[in-house]
Amino acid sequence: DQVEAMTMGDRVAVLKDGLLQQVDTPLNLYDRPANLFVASFI
C-alpha cells in the first residue's frame, strides 16, 4: 500500500521485479520520481 508507505516511513524503498528502483523520503519520491514505474506507483 503506497499510501501506507508514504505516511509511515522516514524513507521508502520502491522495488519492482526484485530490483530496487528508488529509495528516498516520501516527499522526494512524490516530487522527483526516478523513473516511469515510481511515477506511476507513488
ModelCIF file with pLDDT and N, C-alpha, C, O atoms, coordinates in Angstrom:
data_MODEL
#
_entry.id   MODEL 
#
_entity.id                         1 
_entity.type                       polymer 
_entity.pdbx_number_of_molecules   1 
#
_entity_poly.entity_id                      1 
_entity_poly.type                           'polypeptide(L)' 
_entity_poly.nstd_linkage                   no 
_entity_poly.nstd_monomer                   no 
_entity_poly.pdbx_seq_one_letter_code       DQVEAMTMGDRVAVLKDGLLQQVDTPLNLYDRPANLFVASFI 
_entity_poly.pdbx_seq_one_letter_code_can   DQVEAMTMGDRVAVLKDGLLQQVDTPLNLYDRPANLFVASFI 
_entity_poly.pdbx_strand_id                 A 
#
loop_
_entity_poly_seq.entity_id 
_entity_poly_seq.num 
_entity_poly_seq.mon_id 
_entity_poly_seq.hetero 
1 1  ASP n 
1 2  GLN n 
1 3  VAL n 
1 4  GLU n 
1 5  ALA n 
1 6  MET n 
1 7  THR n 
1 8  MET n 
1 9  GLY n 
1 10 ASP n 
1 11 ARG n 
1 12 VAL n 
1 13 ALA n 
1 14 VAL n 
1 15 LEU n 
1 16 LYS n 
1 17 ASP n 
1 18 GLY n 
1 19 LEU n 
1 20 LEU n 
1 21 GLN n 
1 22 GLN n 
1 23 VAL n 
1 24 ASP n 
1 25 THR n 
1 26 PRO n 
1 27 LEU n 
1 28 ASN n 
1 29 LEU n 
1 30 TYR n 
1 31 ASP n 
1 32 ARG n 
1 33 PRO n 
1 34 ALA n 
1 35 ASN n 
1 36 LEU n 
1 37 PHE n 
1 38 VAL n 
1 39 ALA n 
1 40 SER n 
1 41 PHE n 
1 42 ILE n 
#
_struct_asym.id          A 
_struct_asym.entity_id   1 
#
loop_
_ma_qa_metric.id 
_ma_qa_metric.mode 
_ma_qa_metric.name 
_ma_qa_metric.software_group_id 
_ma_qa_metric.type 
1 global pLDDT . pLDDT 
2 local  pLDDT . pLDDT 
#
_ma_qa_metric_global.metric_id      1 
_ma_qa_metric_global.metric_value   96.02 
_ma_qa_metric_global.model_id       1 
_ma_qa_metric_global.ordinal_id     1 
#
loop_
_ma_qa_metric_local.label_asym_id 
_ma_qa_metric_local.label_comp_id 
_ma_qa_metric_local.label_seq_id 
_ma_qa_metric_local.metric_id 
_ma_qa_metric_local.metric_value 
_ma_qa_metric_local.model_id 
_ma_qa_metric_local.ordinal_id 
A ASP 1  2 92.00 1 1  
A GLN 2  2 89.00 1 2  
A VAL 3  2 91.00 1 3  
A GLU 4  2 93.00 1 4  
A ALA 5  2 94.00 1 5  
A MET 6  2 94.00 1 6  
A THR 7  2 93.00 1 7  
A MET 8  2 94.00 1 8  
A GLY 9  2 95.00 1 9  
A ASP 10 2 97.00 1 10 
A ARG 11 2 98.00 1 11 
A VAL 12 2 98.00 1 12 
A ALA 13 2 98.00 1 13 
A VAL 14 2 98.00 1 14 
A LEU 15 2 98.00 1 15 
A LYS 16 2 97.00 1 16 
A ASP 17 2 96.00 1 17 
A GLY 18 2 97.00 1 18 
A LEU 19 2 97.00 1 19 
A LEU 20 2 98.00 1 20 
A GLN 21 2 98.00 1 21 
A GLN 22 2 98.00 1 22 
A VAL 23 2 98.00 1 23 
A ASP 24 2 98.00 1 24 
A THR 25 2 97.00 1 25 
A PRO 26 2 96.00 1 26 
A LEU 27 2 96.00 1 27 
A ASN 28 2 96.00 1 28 
A LEU 29 2 97.00 1 29 
A TYR 30 2 97.00 1 30 
A ASP 31 2 95.00 1 31 
A ARG 32 2 96.00 1 32 
A PRO 33 2 97.00 1 33 
A ALA 34 2 97.00 1 34 
A ASN 35 2 97.00 1 35 
A LEU 36 2 97.00 1 36 
A PHE 37 2 97.00 1 37 
A VAL 38 2 97.00 1 38 
A ALA 39 2 97.00 1 39 
A SER 40 2 95.00 1 40 
A PHE 41 2 95.00 1 41 
A ILE 42 2 95.00 1 42 
#
loop_
_atom_site.group_PDB 
_atom_site.id 
_atom_site.type_symbol 
_atom_site.label_atom_id 
_atom_site.label_alt_id 
_atom_site.label_comp_id 
_atom_site.label_asym_id 
_atom_site.label_entity_id 
_atom_site.label_seq_id 
_atom_site.pdbx_PDB_ins_code 
_atom_site.Cartn_x 
_atom_site.Cartn_y 
_atom_site.Cartn_z 
_atom_site.occupancy 
_atom_site.B_iso_or_equiv 
_atom_site.pdbx_formal_charge 
_atom_site.auth_seq_id 
_atom_site.auth_comp_id 
_atom_site.auth_asym_id 
_atom_site.auth_atom_id 
_atom_site.pdbx_PDB_model_num 
ATOM 1   N N  . ASP A 1 1  ? 0.846  -1.197 0.000   1.00 92.00 ? 1  ASP A N  1 
ATOM 2   C CA . ASP A 1 1  ? 0.000  0.000  0.000   1.00 92.00 ? 1  ASP A CA 1 
ATOM 3   C C  . ASP A 1 1  ? 0.880  1.244  0.000   1.00 92.00 ? 1  ASP A C  1 
ATOM 4   O O  . ASP A 1 1  ? 1.527  1.550  1.002   1.00 92.00 ? 1  ASP A O  1 
ATOM 5   N N  . GLN A 1 2  ? 0.906  1.960  -1.119  1.00 89.00 ? 2  GLN A N  1 
ATOM 6   C CA . GLN A 1 2  ? 1.817  3.103  -1.215  1.00 89.00 ? 2  GLN A CA 1 
ATOM 7   C C  . GLN A 1 2  ? 1.378  4.263  -0.322  1.00 89.00 ? 2  GLN A C  1 
ATOM 8   O O  . GLN A 1 2  ? 2.218  5.071  0.074   1.00 89.00 ? 2  GLN A O  1 
ATOM 9   N N  . VAL A 1 3  ? 0.094  4.372  0.006   1.00 91.00 ? 3  VAL A N  1 
ATOM 10  C CA . VAL A 1 3  ? -0.357 5.403  0.948   1.00 91.00 ? 3  VAL A CA 1 
ATOM 11  C C  . VAL A 1 3  ? 0.213  5.104  2.339   1.00 91.00 ? 3  VAL A C  1 
ATOM 12  O O  . VAL A 1 3  ? 0.675  6.005  3.039   1.00 91.00 ? 3  VAL A O  1 
ATOM 13  N N  . GLU A 1 4  ? 0.174  3.836  2.721   1.00 93.00 ? 4  GLU A N  1 
ATOM 14  C CA . GLU A 1 4  ? 0.771  3.408  3.986   1.00 93.00 ? 4  GLU A CA 1 
ATOM 15  C C  . GLU A 1 4  ? 2.265  3.737  4.008   1.00 93.00 ? 4  GLU A C  1 
ATOM 16  O O  . GLU A 1 4  ? 2.787  4.231  5.008   1.00 93.00 ? 4  GLU A O  1 
ATOM 17  N N  . ALA A 1 5  ? 2.936  3.460  2.909   1.00 94.00 ? 5  ALA A N  1 
ATOM 18  C CA . ALA A 1 5  ? 4.374  3.729  2.819   1.00 94.00 ? 5  ALA A CA 1 
ATOM 19  C C  . ALA A 1 5  ? 4.664  5.216  2.957   1.00 94.00 ? 5  ALA A C  1 
ATOM 20  O O  . ALA A 1 5  ? 5.580  5.612  3.678   1.00 94.00 ? 5  ALA A O  1 
ATOM 21  N N  . MET A 1 6  ? 3.888  6.032  2.272   1.00 94.00 ? 6  MET A N  1 
ATOM 22  C CA . MET A 1 6  ? 4.124  7.476  2.268   1.00 94.00 ? 6  MET A CA 1 
ATOM 23  C C  . MET A 1 6  ? 3.884  8.098  3.631   1.00 94.00 ? 6  MET A C  1 
ATOM 24  O O  . MET A 1 6  ? 4.562  9.056  4.003   1.00 94.00 ? 6  MET A O  1 
ATOM 25  N N  . THR A 1 7  ? 2.924  7.564  4.383   1.00 93.00 ? 7  THR A N  1 
ATOM 26  C CA . THR A 1 7  ? 2.554  8.190  5.651   1.00 93.00 ? 7  THR A CA 1 
ATOM 27  C C  . THR A 1 7  ? 3.363  7.675  6.830   1.00 93.00 ? 7  THR A C  1 
ATOM 28  O O  . THR A 1 7  ? 3.368  8.307  7.887   1.00 93.00 ? 7  THR A O  1 
ATOM 29  N N  . MET A 1 8  ? 4.056  6.531  6.679   1.00 94.00 ? 8  MET A N  1 
ATOM 30  C CA . MET A 1 8  ? 4.736  5.933  7.819   1.00 94.00 ? 8  MET A CA 1 
ATOM 31  C C  . MET A 1 8  ? 6.254  6.056  7.784   1.00 94.00 ? 8  MET A C  1 
ATOM 32  O O  . MET A 1 8  ? 6.874  6.254  8.828   1.00 94.00 ? 8  MET A O  1 
ATOM 33  N N  . GLY A 1 9  ? 6.857  5.944  6.624   1.00 95.00 ? 9  GLY A N  1 
ATOM 34  C CA . GLY A 1 9  ? 8.299  5.790  6.541   1.00 95.00 ? 9  GLY A CA 1 
ATOM 35  C C  . GLY A 1 9  ? 9.096  7.079  6.667   1.00 95.00 ? 9  GLY A C  1 
ATOM 36  O O  . GLY A 1 9  ? 8.684  8.131  6.176   1.00 95.00 ? 9  GLY A O  1 
ATOM 37  N N  . ASP A 1 10 ? 10.264 6.981  7.344   1.00 97.00 ? 10 ASP A N  1 
ATOM 38  C CA . ASP A 1 10 ? 11.251 8.065  7.251   1.00 97.00 ? 10 ASP A CA 1 
ATOM 39  C C  . ASP A 1 10 ? 11.781 8.114  5.825   1.00 97.00 ? 10 ASP A C  1 
ATOM 40  O O  . ASP A 1 10 ? 11.940 9.180  5.231   1.00 97.00 ? 10 ASP A O  1 
ATOM 41  N N  . ARG A 1 11 ? 12.050 6.912  5.291   1.00 98.00 ? 11 ARG A N  1 
ATOM 42  C CA . ARG A 1 11 ? 12.384 6.767  3.877   1.00 98.00 ? 11 ARG A CA 1 
ATOM 43  C C  . ARG A 1 11 ? 11.627 5.568  3.322   1.00 98.00 ? 11 ARG A C  1 
ATOM 44  O O  . ARG A 1 11 ? 11.195 4.686  4.065   1.00 98.00 ? 11 ARG A O  1 
ATOM 45  N N  . VAL A 1 12 ? 11.476 5.553  2.008   1.00 98.00 ? 12 VAL A N  1 
ATOM 46  C CA . VAL A 1 12 ? 10.737 4.493  1.332   1.00 98.00 ? 12 VAL A CA 1 
ATOM 47  C C  . VAL A 1 12 ? 11.601 3.928  0.216   1.00 98.00 ? 12 VAL A C  1 
ATOM 48  O O  . VAL A 1 12 ? 12.176 4.678  -0.573  1.00 98.00 ? 12 VAL A O  1 
ATOM 49  N N  . ALA A 1 13 ? 11.693 2.596  0.152   1.00 98.00 ? 13 ALA A N  1 
ATOM 50  C CA . ALA A 1 13 ? 12.405 1.918  -0.933  1.00 98.00 ? 13 ALA A CA 1 
ATOM 51  C C  . ALA A 1 13 ? 11.369 1.267  -1.846  1.00 98.00 ? 13 ALA A C  1 
ATOM 52  O O  . ALA A 1 13 ? 10.568 0.446  -1.399  1.00 98.00 ? 13 ALA A O  1 
ATOM 53  N N  . VAL A 1 14 ? 11.389 1.635  -3.118  1.00 98.00 ? 14 VAL A N  1 
ATOM 54  C CA . VAL A 1 14 ? 10.432 1.104  -4.091  1.00 98.00 ? 14 VAL A CA 1 
ATOM 55  C C  . VAL A 1 14 ? 11.102 -0.008 -4.890  1.00 98.00 ? 14 VAL A C  1 
ATOM 56  O O  . VAL A 1 14 ? 12.167 0.198  -5.472  1.00 98.00 ? 14 VAL A O  1 
ATOM 57  N N  . LEU A 1 15 ? 10.475 -1.195 -4.919  1.00 98.00 ? 15 LEU A N  1 
ATOM 58  C CA . LEU A 1 15 ? 11.020 -2.328 -5.653  1.00 98.00 ? 15 LEU A CA 1 
ATOM 59  C C  . LEU A 1 15 ? 10.088 -2.768 -6.768  1.00 98.00 ? 15 LEU A C  1 
ATOM 60  O O  . LEU A 1 15 ? 8.870  -2.608 -6.687  1.00 98.00 ? 15 LEU A O  1 
ATOM 61  N N  . LYS A 1 16 ? 10.691 -3.324 -7.808  1.00 97.00 ? 16 LYS A N  1 
ATOM 62  C CA . LYS A 1 16 ? 9.926  -3.900 -8.921  1.00 97.00 ? 16 LYS A CA 1 
ATOM 63  C C  . LYS A 1 16 ? 10.738 -5.057 -9.497  1.00 97.00 ? 16 LYS A C  1 
ATOM 64  O O  . LYS A 1 16 ? 11.915 -4.895 -9.821  1.00 97.00 ? 16 LYS A O  1 
ATOM 65  N N  . ASP A 1 17 ? 10.115 -6.210 -9.621  1.00 96.00 ? 17 ASP A N  1 
ATOM 66  C CA . ASP A 1 17 ? 10.776 -7.394 -10.189 1.00 96.00 ? 17 ASP A CA 1 
ATOM 67  C C  . ASP A 1 17 ? 12.119 -7.687 -9.529  1.00 96.00 ? 17 ASP A C  1 
ATOM 68  O O  . ASP A 1 17 ? 13.080 -8.069 -10.197 1.00 96.00 ? 17 ASP A O  1 
ATOM 69  N N  . GLY A 1 18 ? 12.173 -7.505 -8.213  1.00 97.00 ? 18 GLY A N  1 
ATOM 70  C CA . GLY A 1 18 ? 13.378 -7.825 -7.470  1.00 97.00 ? 18 GLY A CA 1 
ATOM 71  C C  . GLY A 1 18 ? 14.461 -6.766 -7.507  1.00 97.00 ? 18 GLY A C  1 
ATOM 72  O O  . GLY A 1 18 ? 15.515 -6.941 -6.896  1.00 97.00 ? 18 GLY A O  1 
ATOM 73  N N  . LEU A 1 19 ? 14.221 -5.674 -8.210  1.00 97.00 ? 19 LEU A N  1 
ATOM 74  C CA . LEU A 1 19 ? 15.219 -4.611 -8.360  1.00 97.00 ? 19 LEU A CA 1 
ATOM 75  C C  . LEU A 1 19 ? 14.788 -3.363 -7.594  1.00 97.00 ? 19 LEU A C  1 
ATOM 76  O O  . LEU A 1 19 ? 13.622 -2.969 -7.629  1.00 97.00 ? 19 LEU A O  1 
ATOM 77  N N  . LEU A 1 20 ? 15.736 -2.756 -6.908  1.00 98.00 ? 20 LEU A N  1 
ATOM 78  C CA . LEU A 1 20 ? 15.473 -1.502 -6.202  1.00 98.00 ? 20 LEU A CA 1 
ATOM 79  C C  . LEU A 1 20 ? 15.390 -0.380 -7.234  1.00 98.00 ? 20 LEU A C  1 
ATOM 80  O O  . LEU A 1 20 ? 16.338 -0.145 -7.983  1.00 98.00 ? 20 LEU A O  1 
ATOM 81  N N  . GLN A 1 21 ? 14.247 0.313  -7.269  1.00 98.00 ? 21 GLN A N  1 
ATOM 82  C CA . GLN A 1 21 ? 14.034 1.381  -8.241  1.00 98.00 ? 21 GLN A CA 1 
ATOM 83  C C  . GLN A 1 21 ? 14.478 2.742  -7.712  1.00 98.00 ? 21 GLN A C  1 
ATOM 84  O O  . GLN A 1 21 ? 15.100 3.525  -8.430  1.00 98.00 ? 21 GLN A O  1 
ATOM 85  N N  . GLN A 1 22 ? 14.153 3.012  -6.459  1.00 98.00 ? 22 GLN A N  1 
ATOM 86  C CA . GLN A 1 22 ? 14.492 4.312  -5.866  1.00 98.00 ? 22 GLN A CA 1 
ATOM 87  C C  . GLN A 1 22 ? 14.298 4.222  -4.365  1.00 98.00 ? 22 GLN A C  1 
ATOM 88  O O  . GLN A 1 22 ? 13.380 3.548  -3.895  1.00 98.00 ? 22 GLN A O  1 
ATOM 89  N N  . VAL A 1 23 ? 15.147 4.890  -3.614  1.00 98.00 ? 23 VAL A N  1 
ATOM 90  C CA . VAL A 1 23 ? 14.967 4.994  -2.164  1.00 98.00 ? 23 VAL A CA 1 
ATOM 91  C C  . VAL A 1 23 ? 15.162 6.450  -1.780  1.00 98.00 ? 23 VAL A C  1 
ATOM 92  O O  . VAL A 1 23 ? 16.183 7.056  -2.105  1.00 98.00 ? 23 VAL A O  1 
ATOM 93  N N  . ASP A 1 24 ? 14.172 7.011  -1.084  1.00 98.00 ? 24 ASP A N  1 
ATOM 94  C CA . ASP A 1 24 ? 14.217 8.428  -0.730  1.00 98.00 ? 24 ASP A CA 1 
ATOM 95  C C  . ASP A 1 24 ? 13.127 8.710  0.295   1.00 98.00 ? 24 ASP A C  1 
ATOM 96  O O  . ASP A 1 24 ? 12.373 7.818  0.684   1.00 98.00 ? 24 ASP A O  1 
ATOM 97  N N  . THR A 1 25 ? 13.059 9.970  0.727   1.00 97.00 ? 25 THR A N  1 
ATOM 98  C CA . THR A 1 25 ? 11.972 10.361 1.619   1.00 97.00 ? 25 THR A CA 1 
ATOM 99  C C  . THR A 1 25 ? 10.658 10.316 0.843   1.00 97.00 ? 25 THR A C  1 
ATOM 100 O O  . THR A 1 25 ? 10.669 10.421 -0.383  1.00 97.00 ? 25 THR A O  1 
ATOM 101 N N  . PRO A 1 26 ? 9.521  10.160 1.538   1.00 96.00 ? 26 PRO A N  1 
ATOM 102 C CA . PRO A 1 26 ? 8.237  10.105 0.827   1.00 96.00 ? 26 PRO A CA 1 
ATOM 103 C C  . PRO A 1 26 ? 8.002  11.301 -0.097  1.00 96.00 ? 26 PRO A C  1 
ATOM 104 O O  . PRO A 1 26 ? 7.557  11.124 -1.231  1.00 96.00 ? 26 PRO A O  1 
ATOM 105 N N  . LEU A 1 27 ? 8.294  12.511 0.373   1.00 96.00 ? 27 LEU A N  1 
ATOM 106 C CA . LEU A 1 27 ? 8.039  13.685 -0.454  1.00 96.00 ? 27 LEU A CA 1 
ATOM 107 C C  . LEU A 1 27 ? 8.948  13.737 -1.670  1.00 96.00 ? 27 LEU A C  1 
ATOM 108 O O  . LEU A 1 27 ? 8.511  14.133 -2.750  1.00 96.00 ? 27 LEU A O  1 
ATOM 109 N N  . ASN A 1 28 ? 10.213 13.339 -1.512  1.00 96.00 ? 28 ASN A N  1 
ATOM 110 C CA . ASN A 1 28 ? 11.116 13.335 -2.665  1.00 96.00 ? 28 ASN A CA 1 
ATOM 111 C C  . ASN A 1 28 ? 10.691 12.305 -3.703  1.00 96.00 ? 28 ASN A C  1 
ATOM 112 O O  . ASN A 1 28 ? 10.815 12.544 -4.904  1.00 96.00 ? 28 ASN A O  1 
ATOM 113 N N  . LEU A 1 29 ? 10.186 11.153 -3.243  1.00 97.00 ? 29 LEU A N  1 
ATOM 114 C CA . LEU A 1 29 ? 9.663  10.166 -4.183  1.00 97.00 ? 29 LEU A CA 1 
ATOM 115 C C  . LEU A 1 29 ? 8.486  10.747 -4.970  1.00 97.00 ? 29 LEU A C  1 
ATOM 116 O O  . LEU A 1 29 ? 8.355  10.529 -6.175  1.00 97.00 ? 29 LEU A O  1 
ATOM 117 N N  . TYR A 1 30 ? 7.651  11.477 -4.271  1.00 97.00 ? 30 TYR A N  1 
ATOM 118 C CA . TYR A 1 30 ? 6.464  12.060 -4.906  1.00 97.00 ? 30 TYR A CA 1 
ATOM 119 C C  . TYR A 1 30 ? 6.843  13.187 -5.869  1.00 97.00 ? 30 TYR A C  1 
ATOM 120 O O  . TYR A 1 30 ? 6.297  13.292 -6.967  1.00 97.00 ? 30 TYR A O  1 
ATOM 121 N N  . ASP A 1 31 ? 7.789  14.028 -5.438  1.00 95.00 ? 31 ASP A N  1 
ATOM 122 C CA . ASP A 1 31 ? 8.138  15.217 -6.222  1.00 95.00 ? 31 ASP A CA 1 
ATOM 123 C C  . ASP A 1 31 ? 9.129  14.938 -7.343  1.00 95.00 ? 31 ASP A C  1 
ATOM 124 O O  . ASP A 1 31 ? 9.105  15.621 -8.367  1.00 95.00 ? 31 ASP A O  1 
ATOM 125 N N  . ARG A 1 32 ? 10.019 13.929 -7.165  1.00 96.00 ? 32 ARG A N  1 
ATOM 126 C CA . ARG A 1 32 ? 11.049 13.661 -8.167  1.00 96.00 ? 32 ARG A CA 1 
ATOM 127 C C  . ARG A 1 32 ? 11.199 12.149 -8.378  1.00 96.00 ? 32 ARG A C  1 
ATOM 128 O O  . ARG A 1 32 ? 12.248 11.593 -8.054  1.00 96.00 ? 32 ARG A O  1 
ATOM 129 N N  . PRO A 1 33 ? 10.191 11.485 -8.905  1.00 97.00 ? 33 PRO A N  1 
ATOM 130 C CA . PRO A 1 33 ? 10.324 10.044 -9.172  1.00 97.00 ? 33 PRO A CA 1 
ATOM 131 C C  . PRO A 1 33 ? 11.444 9.788  -10.178 1.00 97.00 ? 33 PRO A C  1 
ATOM 132 O O  . PRO A 1 33 ? 11.586 10.512 -11.163 1.00 97.00 ? 33 PRO A O  1 
ATOM 133 N N  . ALA A 1 34 ? 12.236 8.748  -9.916  1.00 97.00 ? 34 ALA A N  1 
ATOM 134 C CA . ALA A 1 34 ? 13.425 8.490  -10.724 1.00 97.00 ? 34 ALA A CA 1 
ATOM 135 C C  . ALA A 1 34 ? 13.097 7.896  -12.089 1.00 97.00 ? 34 ALA A C  1 
ATOM 136 O O  . ALA A 1 34 ? 13.881 8.030  -13.029 1.00 97.00 ? 34 ALA A O  1 
ATOM 137 N N  . ASN A 1 35 ? 11.942 7.240  -12.203 1.00 97.00 ? 35 ASN A N  1 
ATOM 138 C CA . ASN A 1 35 ? 11.581 6.626  -13.479 1.00 97.00 ? 35 ASN A CA 1 
ATOM 139 C C  . ASN A 1 35 ? 10.067 6.492  -13.592 1.00 97.00 ? 35 ASN A C  1 
ATOM 140 O O  . ASN A 1 35 ? 9.321  6.844  -12.677 1.00 97.00 ? 35 ASN A O  1 
ATOM 141 N N  . LEU A 1 36 ? 9.636  5.976  -14.732 1.00 97.00 ? 36 LEU A N  1 
ATOM 142 C CA . LEU A 1 36 ? 8.205  5.875  -15.011 1.00 97.00 ? 36 LEU A CA 1 
ATOM 143 C C  . LEU A 1 36 ? 7.482  4.975  -14.019 1.00 97.00 ? 36 LEU A C  1 
ATOM 144 O O  . LEU A 1 36 ? 6.345  5.256  -13.639 1.00 97.00 ? 36 LEU A O  1 
ATOM 145 N N  . PHE A 1 37 ? 8.141  3.886  -13.592 1.00 97.00 ? 37 PHE A N  1 
ATOM 146 C CA . PHE A 1 37 ? 7.470  2.984  -12.655 1.00 97.00 ? 37 PHE A CA 1 
ATOM 147 C C  . PHE A 1 37 ? 7.191  3.678  -11.334 1.00 97.00 ? 37 PHE A C  1 
ATOM 148 O O  . PHE A 1 37 ? 6.073  3.606  -10.825 1.00 97.00 ? 37 PHE A O  1 
ATOM 149 N N  . VAL A 1 38 ? 8.187  4.348  -10.771 1.00 97.00 ? 38 VAL A N  1 
ATOM 150 C CA . VAL A 1 38 ? 7.978  5.040  -9.495  1.00 97.00 ? 38 VAL A CA 1 
ATOM 151 C C  . VAL A 1 38 ? 6.919  6.123  -9.657  1.00 97.00 ? 38 VAL A C  1 
ATOM 152 O O  . VAL A 1 38 ? 6.077  6.306  -8.778  1.00 97.00 ? 38 VAL A O  1 
ATOM 153 N N  . ALA A 1 39 ? 6.958  6.842  -10.777 1.00 97.00 ? 39 ALA A N  1 
ATOM 154 C CA . ALA A 1 39 ? 5.973  7.893  -11.030 1.00 97.00 ? 39 ALA A CA 1 
ATOM 155 C C  . ALA A 1 39 ? 4.556  7.345  -11.049 1.00 97.00 ? 39 ALA A C  1 
ATOM 156 O O  . ALA A 1 39 ? 3.637  7.973  -10.523 1.00 97.00 ? 39 ALA A O  1 
ATOM 157 N N  . SER A 1 40 ? 4.376  6.179  -11.653 1.00 95.00 ? 40 SER A N  1 
ATOM 158 C CA . SER A 1 40 ? 3.034  5.595  -11.762 1.00 95.00 ? 40 SER A CA 1 
ATOM 159 C C  . SER A 1 40 ? 2.593  4.926  -10.471 1.00 95.00 ? 40 SER A C  1 
ATOM 160 O O  . SER A 1 40 ? 1.396  4.835  -10.200 1.00 95.00 ? 40 SER A O  1 
ATOM 161 N N  . PHE A 1 41 ? 3.557  4.452  -9.662  1.00 95.00 ? 41 PHE A N  1 
ATOM 162 C CA . PHE A 1 41 ? 3.205  3.701  -8.465  1.00 95.00 ? 41 PHE A CA 1 
ATOM 163 C C  . PHE A 1 41 ? 2.948  4.591  -7.256  1.00 95.00 ? 41 PHE A C  1 
ATOM 164 O O  . PHE A 1 41 ? 2.054  4.313  -6.456  1.00 95.00 ? 41 PHE A O  1 
ATOM 165 N N  . ILE A 1 42 ? 3.725  5.655  -7.121  1.00 95.00 ? 42 ILE A N  1 
ATOM 166 C CA . ILE A 1 42 ? 3.611  6.533  -5.953  1.00 95.00 ? 42 ILE A CA 1 
ATOM 167 C C  . ILE A 1 42 ? 2.618  7.651  -6.242  1.00 95.00 ? 42 ILE A C  1 
ATOM 168 O O  . ILE A 1 42 ? 2.378  8.500  -5.384  1.00 95.00 ? 42 ILE A O  1 
#
